[in-house]
N, C-alpha and C. Protein backbone atom coordinates (compact mmCIF):
# COMPACT_ATOMS: atom_id res chain seq x y z
N MET A 1 92.76 47.37 98.53
CA MET A 1 92.02 48.52 98.03
C MET A 1 90.65 48.57 98.71
N ARG A 2 90.29 49.73 99.21
CA ARG A 2 89.01 49.87 99.90
C ARG A 2 87.89 50.08 98.90
N THR A 3 86.71 49.60 99.25
CA THR A 3 85.55 49.82 98.42
C THR A 3 85.04 51.23 98.62
N ARG A 4 84.20 51.68 97.71
CA ARG A 4 83.60 53.02 97.84
C ARG A 4 82.78 53.11 99.12
N ARG A 5 82.08 52.05 99.47
CA ARG A 5 81.25 52.04 100.67
C ARG A 5 82.12 52.16 101.92
N ALA A 6 83.20 51.38 101.96
CA ALA A 6 84.10 51.43 103.11
C ALA A 6 84.74 52.80 103.23
N ALA A 7 85.10 53.39 102.11
CA ALA A 7 85.69 54.73 102.14
C ALA A 7 84.69 55.74 102.68
N GLY A 8 83.43 55.60 102.32
CA GLY A 8 82.40 56.52 102.81
C GLY A 8 82.20 56.39 104.31
N VAL A 9 82.21 55.15 104.81
CA VAL A 9 82.06 54.93 106.25
C VAL A 9 83.26 55.50 106.99
N ALA A 10 84.47 55.25 106.46
CA ALA A 10 85.68 55.77 107.09
C ALA A 10 85.66 57.29 107.14
N MET A 11 85.18 57.91 106.09
CA MET A 11 85.13 59.37 106.05
C MET A 11 84.16 59.89 107.11
N LEU A 12 83.01 59.24 107.25
CA LEU A 12 82.05 59.67 108.27
C LEU A 12 82.63 59.51 109.67
N GLU A 13 83.33 58.41 109.91
CA GLU A 13 83.93 58.19 111.22
C GLU A 13 84.97 59.27 111.53
N SER A 14 85.75 59.63 110.51
CA SER A 14 86.78 60.65 110.74
C SER A 14 86.16 62.02 110.99
N LEU A 15 85.04 62.31 110.37
CA LEU A 15 84.37 63.59 110.58
C LEU A 15 83.75 63.68 111.97
N GLY A 16 83.34 62.54 112.49
CA GLY A 16 82.70 62.54 113.80
C GLY A 16 83.71 62.60 114.94
N GLY A 17 84.99 62.46 114.64
CA GLY A 17 86.01 62.56 115.67
C GLY A 17 85.87 61.50 116.75
N GLY A 18 85.18 60.42 116.46
CA GLY A 18 85.04 59.34 117.41
C GLY A 18 83.96 59.60 118.45
N HIS A 19 83.30 60.75 118.42
CA HIS A 19 82.27 61.07 119.40
C HIS A 19 80.90 60.56 119.00
N GLN A 20 80.72 60.25 117.71
CA GLN A 20 79.42 59.78 117.24
C GLN A 20 79.53 58.32 116.83
N LYS A 21 78.40 57.64 116.88
CA LYS A 21 78.36 56.27 116.38
C LYS A 21 78.62 56.29 114.88
N SER A 22 79.33 55.31 114.39
CA SER A 22 79.56 55.28 112.94
C SER A 22 78.26 54.90 112.25
N ARG A 23 78.03 55.52 111.11
CA ARG A 23 76.83 55.27 110.32
C ARG A 23 77.27 54.81 108.95
N LYS A 24 76.49 53.89 108.39
CA LYS A 24 76.76 53.45 107.02
C LYS A 24 76.22 54.49 106.07
N VAL A 25 76.96 54.74 105.01
CA VAL A 25 76.54 55.66 103.98
C VAL A 25 76.12 54.84 102.78
N GLU A 26 74.92 55.07 102.30
CA GLU A 26 74.46 54.35 101.12
C GLU A 26 74.96 55.05 99.87
N ILE A 27 75.82 54.39 99.15
CA ILE A 27 76.34 54.91 97.90
C ILE A 27 75.71 54.07 96.79
N PRO A 28 75.11 54.70 95.78
CA PRO A 28 74.50 53.91 94.71
C PRO A 28 75.52 52.96 94.10
N LYS A 29 75.08 51.72 93.87
CA LYS A 29 75.96 50.74 93.25
C LYS A 29 76.23 51.14 91.81
N ARG A 30 77.42 50.83 91.37
CA ARG A 30 77.79 51.14 89.99
C ARG A 30 76.79 50.47 89.05
N GLY A 31 76.29 51.24 88.09
CA GLY A 31 75.35 50.70 87.12
C GLY A 31 73.91 50.72 87.60
N SER A 32 73.65 51.18 88.82
CA SER A 32 72.26 51.25 89.27
C SER A 32 71.61 52.48 88.66
N PRO A 33 70.35 52.37 88.25
CA PRO A 33 69.70 53.48 87.57
C PRO A 33 69.48 54.68 88.49
N LEU A 34 69.56 55.86 87.90
CA LEU A 34 69.32 57.09 88.64
C LEU A 34 67.82 57.35 88.80
N MET A 35 67.01 56.70 87.95
CA MET A 35 65.56 56.92 87.96
C MET A 35 64.89 55.55 87.86
N ASP A 36 63.88 55.29 88.71
CA ASP A 36 63.19 54.00 88.62
C ASP A 36 62.18 54.00 87.48
N TYR A 37 61.68 52.82 87.16
CA TYR A 37 60.79 52.64 86.01
C TYR A 37 59.53 53.49 86.11
N GLU A 38 58.86 53.44 87.24
CA GLU A 38 57.61 54.19 87.39
C GLU A 38 57.84 55.69 87.24
N THR A 39 58.91 56.19 87.81
CA THR A 39 59.23 57.62 87.68
C THR A 39 59.53 57.96 86.22
N PHE A 40 60.25 57.08 85.54
CA PHE A 40 60.58 57.30 84.13
C PHE A 40 59.30 57.43 83.31
N ILE A 41 58.40 56.45 83.43
CA ILE A 41 57.17 56.45 82.64
C ILE A 41 56.29 57.63 83.03
N SER A 42 56.19 57.94 84.30
CA SER A 42 55.38 59.10 84.74
C SER A 42 55.93 60.40 84.17
N THR A 43 57.25 60.52 84.12
CA THR A 43 57.87 61.72 83.57
C THR A 43 57.57 61.85 82.08
N VAL A 44 57.66 60.74 81.35
CA VAL A 44 57.33 60.76 79.91
C VAL A 44 55.86 61.15 79.74
N SER A 45 54.99 60.59 80.57
CA SER A 45 53.56 60.90 80.49
C SER A 45 53.30 62.39 80.72
N GLN A 46 53.93 62.94 81.75
CA GLN A 46 53.76 64.37 82.05
C GLN A 46 54.27 65.24 80.91
N ARG A 47 55.45 64.91 80.40
CA ARG A 47 56.05 65.72 79.34
C ARG A 47 55.27 65.67 78.04
N SER A 48 54.73 64.51 77.75
CA SER A 48 54.04 64.33 76.46
C SER A 48 52.56 64.65 76.54
N GLY A 49 52.01 64.66 77.77
CA GLY A 49 50.58 64.87 77.93
C GLY A 49 49.77 63.63 77.57
N LEU A 50 50.46 62.48 77.47
CA LEU A 50 49.80 61.23 77.10
C LEU A 50 49.47 60.42 78.34
N PRO A 51 48.43 59.58 78.25
CA PRO A 51 48.14 58.69 79.38
C PRO A 51 49.32 57.74 79.63
N ARG A 52 49.41 57.20 80.83
CA ARG A 52 50.52 56.36 81.22
C ARG A 52 50.77 55.20 80.25
N GLU A 53 49.70 54.52 79.83
CA GLU A 53 49.86 53.36 78.94
C GLU A 53 50.49 53.77 77.61
N GLN A 54 50.06 54.91 77.08
CA GLN A 54 50.63 55.39 75.82
C GLN A 54 52.07 55.86 76.02
N ALA A 55 52.34 56.49 77.14
CA ALA A 55 53.71 56.93 77.44
C ALA A 55 54.63 55.71 77.54
N GLU A 56 54.12 54.64 78.12
CA GLU A 56 54.91 53.41 78.23
C GLU A 56 55.19 52.83 76.84
N ALA A 57 54.18 52.82 75.97
CA ALA A 57 54.37 52.32 74.60
C ALA A 57 55.39 53.18 73.85
N PHE A 58 55.31 54.49 73.99
CA PHE A 58 56.27 55.38 73.33
C PHE A 58 57.68 55.18 73.87
N THR A 59 57.78 54.94 75.16
CA THR A 59 59.10 54.72 75.75
C THR A 59 59.76 53.50 75.11
N HIS A 60 59.05 52.39 75.06
CA HIS A 60 59.63 51.17 74.49
C HIS A 60 59.87 51.32 72.98
N ALA A 61 58.97 51.97 72.27
CA ALA A 61 59.14 52.18 70.83
C ALA A 61 60.35 53.07 70.54
N THR A 62 60.52 54.12 71.32
CA THR A 62 61.64 55.04 71.12
C THR A 62 62.96 54.37 71.44
N LEU A 63 63.02 53.64 72.54
CA LEU A 63 64.27 52.98 72.91
C LEU A 63 64.64 51.87 71.93
N ALA A 64 63.65 51.13 71.42
CA ALA A 64 63.93 50.09 70.42
C ALA A 64 64.48 50.72 69.14
N THR A 65 63.93 51.85 68.75
CA THR A 65 64.41 52.55 67.55
C THR A 65 65.80 53.13 67.79
N LEU A 66 66.02 53.67 68.97
CA LEU A 66 67.33 54.19 69.32
C LEU A 66 68.38 53.08 69.27
N ALA A 67 68.02 51.89 69.74
CA ALA A 67 68.95 50.75 69.71
C ALA A 67 69.37 50.39 68.29
N GLU A 68 68.49 50.63 67.32
CA GLU A 68 68.84 50.39 65.91
C GLU A 68 69.79 51.47 65.38
N ARG A 69 69.70 52.66 65.95
CA ARG A 69 70.44 53.82 65.43
C ARG A 69 71.82 53.99 66.04
N ILE A 70 72.07 53.38 67.21
CA ILE A 70 73.38 53.47 67.83
C ILE A 70 74.03 52.08 67.84
N THR A 71 75.31 52.02 68.12
CA THR A 71 76.00 50.73 68.13
C THR A 71 75.50 49.87 69.30
N ARG A 72 75.69 48.56 69.16
CA ARG A 72 75.27 47.64 70.22
C ARG A 72 75.98 47.95 71.53
N GLY A 73 77.26 48.27 71.45
CA GLY A 73 78.01 48.59 72.67
C GLY A 73 77.43 49.81 73.37
N GLU A 74 77.08 50.82 72.60
CA GLU A 74 76.50 52.03 73.21
C GLU A 74 75.11 51.75 73.76
N ALA A 75 74.33 50.93 73.06
CA ALA A 75 73.00 50.55 73.56
C ALA A 75 73.13 49.81 74.88
N ASP A 76 74.13 48.92 74.97
CA ASP A 76 74.37 48.19 76.22
C ASP A 76 74.77 49.14 77.34
N ASP A 77 75.64 50.09 77.02
CA ASP A 77 76.07 51.08 78.03
C ASP A 77 74.88 51.90 78.52
N LEU A 78 74.05 52.34 77.60
CA LEU A 78 72.87 53.12 77.96
C LEU A 78 71.93 52.28 78.82
N ALA A 79 71.70 51.04 78.42
CA ALA A 79 70.81 50.15 79.16
C ALA A 79 71.29 49.95 80.59
N SER A 80 72.59 49.95 80.79
CA SER A 80 73.14 49.72 82.14
C SER A 80 72.79 50.86 83.10
N GLU A 81 72.41 52.01 82.57
CA GLU A 81 72.07 53.15 83.42
C GLU A 81 70.57 53.40 83.52
N LEU A 82 69.79 52.55 82.87
CA LEU A 82 68.33 52.71 82.90
C LEU A 82 67.70 51.60 83.74
N PRO A 83 66.45 51.80 84.17
CA PRO A 83 65.77 50.76 84.94
C PRO A 83 65.72 49.44 84.17
N LYS A 84 65.76 48.34 84.91
CA LYS A 84 65.80 47.00 84.33
C LYS A 84 64.68 46.77 83.30
N ALA A 85 63.48 47.25 83.58
CA ALA A 85 62.34 47.02 82.69
C ALA A 85 62.51 47.70 81.33
N LEU A 86 63.46 48.62 81.20
CA LEU A 86 63.69 49.28 79.91
C LEU A 86 64.83 48.63 79.12
N LYS A 87 65.60 47.80 79.76
CA LYS A 87 66.80 47.23 79.13
C LYS A 87 66.48 46.39 77.90
N GLU A 88 65.39 45.61 77.95
CA GLU A 88 65.10 44.74 76.81
C GLU A 88 64.72 45.53 75.56
N SER A 89 64.25 46.73 75.73
CA SER A 89 63.93 47.57 74.56
C SER A 89 65.20 48.08 73.88
N LEU A 90 66.32 48.05 74.60
CA LEU A 90 67.58 48.56 74.06
C LEU A 90 68.49 47.46 73.52
N VAL A 91 67.93 46.33 73.17
CA VAL A 91 68.72 45.25 72.58
C VAL A 91 68.90 45.57 71.10
N SER A 92 70.14 45.81 70.72
CA SER A 92 70.44 46.18 69.34
C SER A 92 70.41 44.94 68.45
N PRO A 93 69.74 45.03 67.30
CA PRO A 93 69.66 43.87 66.41
C PRO A 93 70.98 43.55 65.70
N THR A 94 71.84 44.54 65.57
CA THR A 94 73.14 44.35 64.92
C THR A 94 74.22 45.08 65.70
N PRO A 95 75.47 44.66 65.56
CA PRO A 95 76.55 45.36 66.27
C PRO A 95 76.75 46.79 65.78
N GLU A 96 76.48 47.02 64.50
CA GLU A 96 76.69 48.34 63.92
C GLU A 96 75.41 49.18 64.01
N ALA A 97 75.60 50.49 64.00
CA ALA A 97 74.46 51.41 63.99
C ALA A 97 73.90 51.49 62.57
N GLU A 98 72.59 51.57 62.46
CA GLU A 98 71.97 51.82 61.16
C GLU A 98 72.05 53.32 60.89
N GLY A 99 72.30 53.66 59.64
CA GLY A 99 72.48 55.07 59.31
C GLY A 99 71.22 55.74 58.80
N PHE A 100 70.30 56.07 59.68
CA PHE A 100 69.11 56.81 59.25
C PHE A 100 68.98 58.10 60.05
N GLY A 101 68.26 59.04 59.48
CA GLY A 101 68.11 60.35 60.08
C GLY A 101 66.89 60.47 60.97
N LEU A 102 66.61 61.70 61.36
CA LEU A 102 65.53 61.99 62.30
C LEU A 102 64.16 61.61 61.74
N ASP A 103 63.90 61.92 60.48
CA ASP A 103 62.58 61.60 59.90
C ASP A 103 62.31 60.09 59.94
N GLU A 104 63.31 59.31 59.57
CA GLU A 104 63.14 57.85 59.61
C GLU A 104 63.00 57.37 61.06
N PHE A 105 63.73 57.98 61.97
CA PHE A 105 63.61 57.64 63.39
C PHE A 105 62.16 57.84 63.84
N VAL A 106 61.61 59.00 63.53
CA VAL A 106 60.22 59.32 63.93
C VAL A 106 59.25 58.35 63.26
N ASN A 107 59.48 58.03 61.98
CA ASN A 107 58.60 57.09 61.29
C ASN A 107 58.62 55.70 61.93
N ARG A 108 59.80 55.25 62.35
CA ARG A 108 59.90 53.94 63.00
C ARG A 108 59.20 53.95 64.36
N VAL A 109 59.37 55.03 65.11
CA VAL A 109 58.68 55.14 66.39
C VAL A 109 57.17 55.15 66.15
N SER A 110 56.74 55.89 65.13
CA SER A 110 55.33 55.98 64.78
C SER A 110 54.76 54.60 64.46
N THR A 111 55.48 53.82 63.69
CA THR A 111 55.03 52.47 63.33
C THR A 111 54.95 51.58 64.57
N ARG A 112 55.99 51.61 65.39
CA ARG A 112 56.01 50.77 66.59
C ARG A 112 54.92 51.17 67.58
N ALA A 113 54.68 52.46 67.73
CA ALA A 113 53.69 52.94 68.70
C ALA A 113 52.29 53.02 68.08
N ARG A 114 52.18 52.73 66.78
CA ARG A 114 50.90 52.74 66.06
C ARG A 114 50.18 54.07 66.19
N THR A 115 50.90 55.13 65.79
CA THR A 115 50.34 56.47 65.86
C THR A 115 50.89 57.32 64.72
N SER A 116 50.44 58.54 64.63
CA SER A 116 50.90 59.42 63.56
C SER A 116 52.32 59.89 63.82
N PRO A 117 53.05 60.27 62.76
CA PRO A 117 54.40 60.80 62.95
C PRO A 117 54.43 62.05 63.84
N GLU A 118 53.41 62.87 63.78
CA GLU A 118 53.37 64.08 64.60
C GLU A 118 53.33 63.73 66.09
N VAL A 119 52.45 62.79 66.44
CA VAL A 119 52.35 62.36 67.84
C VAL A 119 53.62 61.60 68.23
N ALA A 120 54.16 60.81 67.31
CA ALA A 120 55.39 60.06 67.58
C ALA A 120 56.55 61.00 67.87
N ARG A 121 56.63 62.11 67.13
CA ARG A 121 57.70 63.08 67.36
C ARG A 121 57.63 63.64 68.79
N GLU A 122 56.43 63.99 69.23
CA GLU A 122 56.26 64.52 70.59
C GLU A 122 56.58 63.46 71.63
N GLY A 123 56.12 62.25 71.40
CA GLY A 123 56.40 61.16 72.34
C GLY A 123 57.88 60.85 72.42
N ALA A 124 58.54 60.78 71.26
CA ALA A 124 59.98 60.50 71.23
C ALA A 124 60.77 61.62 71.91
N ALA A 125 60.34 62.86 71.72
CA ALA A 125 61.01 63.99 72.38
C ALA A 125 60.89 63.86 73.89
N ALA A 126 59.72 63.47 74.38
CA ALA A 126 59.52 63.29 75.82
C ALA A 126 60.40 62.15 76.35
N VAL A 127 60.49 61.06 75.60
CA VAL A 127 61.30 59.92 76.04
C VAL A 127 62.77 60.31 76.07
N LEU A 128 63.28 60.91 74.99
CA LEU A 128 64.70 61.24 74.93
C LEU A 128 65.08 62.30 75.97
N SER A 129 64.20 63.23 76.25
CA SER A 129 64.46 64.22 77.30
C SER A 129 64.52 63.54 78.67
N THR A 130 63.70 62.54 78.86
CA THR A 130 63.70 61.80 80.12
C THR A 130 64.96 60.94 80.23
N VAL A 131 65.38 60.35 79.12
CA VAL A 131 66.63 59.59 79.11
C VAL A 131 67.78 60.51 79.54
N ARG A 132 67.78 61.73 79.01
CA ARG A 132 68.83 62.69 79.34
C ARG A 132 68.92 62.90 80.85
N GLU A 133 67.77 62.94 81.54
CA GLU A 133 67.75 63.13 82.99
C GLU A 133 68.06 61.85 83.76
N ALA A 134 67.77 60.70 83.16
CA ALA A 134 67.86 59.43 83.88
C ALA A 134 69.24 58.80 83.86
N VAL A 135 70.12 59.28 82.99
CA VAL A 135 71.47 58.70 82.90
C VAL A 135 72.51 59.77 83.17
N SER A 136 73.74 59.34 83.31
CA SER A 136 74.82 60.30 83.56
C SER A 136 75.01 61.20 82.33
N GLY A 137 75.54 62.38 82.57
CA GLY A 137 75.78 63.31 81.46
C GLY A 137 76.74 62.74 80.44
N GLY A 138 77.76 62.03 80.91
CA GLY A 138 78.73 61.43 80.00
C GLY A 138 78.10 60.38 79.11
N GLU A 139 77.23 59.56 79.68
CA GLU A 139 76.57 58.53 78.87
C GLU A 139 75.67 59.16 77.83
N PHE A 140 74.93 60.20 78.22
CA PHE A 140 74.03 60.83 77.25
C PHE A 140 74.84 61.49 76.12
N ARG A 141 75.98 62.07 76.46
CA ARG A 141 76.84 62.66 75.42
C ARG A 141 77.35 61.58 74.46
N HIS A 142 77.66 60.40 74.99
CA HIS A 142 78.10 59.30 74.12
C HIS A 142 77.00 58.90 73.14
N VAL A 143 75.77 58.83 73.63
CA VAL A 143 74.64 58.51 72.76
C VAL A 143 74.50 59.59 71.68
N LEU A 144 74.50 60.85 72.11
CA LEU A 144 74.36 61.96 71.14
C LEU A 144 75.46 61.96 70.09
N SER A 145 76.65 61.54 70.48
CA SER A 145 77.78 61.55 69.53
C SER A 145 77.56 60.58 68.38
N GLN A 146 76.65 59.62 68.55
CA GLN A 146 76.37 58.66 67.48
C GLN A 146 75.16 59.05 66.64
N LEU A 147 74.54 60.16 66.97
CA LEU A 147 73.34 60.60 66.25
C LEU A 147 73.65 61.84 65.42
N PRO A 148 72.97 61.98 64.28
CA PRO A 148 73.15 63.21 63.50
C PRO A 148 72.73 64.44 64.31
N LYS A 149 73.30 65.57 63.99
CA LYS A 149 73.03 66.82 64.71
C LYS A 149 71.53 67.14 64.77
N GLU A 150 70.78 66.75 63.74
CA GLU A 150 69.35 67.05 63.69
C GLU A 150 68.57 66.45 64.87
N PHE A 151 69.12 65.44 65.54
CA PHE A 151 68.44 64.84 66.70
C PHE A 151 68.39 65.82 67.87
N GLU A 152 69.34 66.75 67.92
CA GLU A 152 69.34 67.72 69.01
C GLU A 152 68.06 68.53 69.04
N GLU A 153 67.49 68.82 67.87
CA GLU A 153 66.23 69.58 67.85
C GLU A 153 65.10 68.78 68.50
N LEU A 154 65.11 67.48 68.33
CA LEU A 154 64.09 66.64 68.97
C LEU A 154 64.29 66.61 70.48
N ILE A 155 65.52 66.48 70.91
CA ILE A 155 65.82 66.38 72.33
C ILE A 155 65.58 67.69 73.05
N HIS A 156 65.82 68.78 72.39
CA HIS A 156 65.65 70.09 73.03
C HIS A 156 64.27 70.70 72.80
N THR A 157 63.41 69.97 72.10
CA THR A 157 62.03 70.43 71.91
C THR A 157 61.30 70.35 73.23
N PRO A 158 60.67 71.43 73.65
CA PRO A 158 59.89 71.31 74.90
C PRO A 158 58.78 70.32 74.70
N ALA A 159 58.74 69.32 75.54
CA ALA A 159 57.69 68.29 75.41
C ALA A 159 56.74 68.38 76.57
């Protein structure tokens, strides 16, 4: 069985008809993040209007709270598509998801980030919107499937 990389090189060689030098095609490795850490934090900062340090705190607070709200398996799957520096925030304390709603989610983010629930809501919206862009569509749908419908309002809130 050929690897994805070998298949990409073979395809390029066949397209060149043997007249061009073969070139290696860089195919992202399975599980490699679509967005690096600095880009992720900068995007959260831009969306939330918060300084970088605060955006970073909100990112970790939101992901830690999300890890409590989804199953450990889903948290692990999500972590596999995010930059390495974000993975430790997605360590689920229990195998099962805790059953809390959006208000409790925002309150937990607020406590972790040491800010008001209003600011926490905006920060969490910026983080979750960035997660949506940073992972595959299928993975994000899996995460959403474990959250109550009310979370969609947070994710679709312009941040």
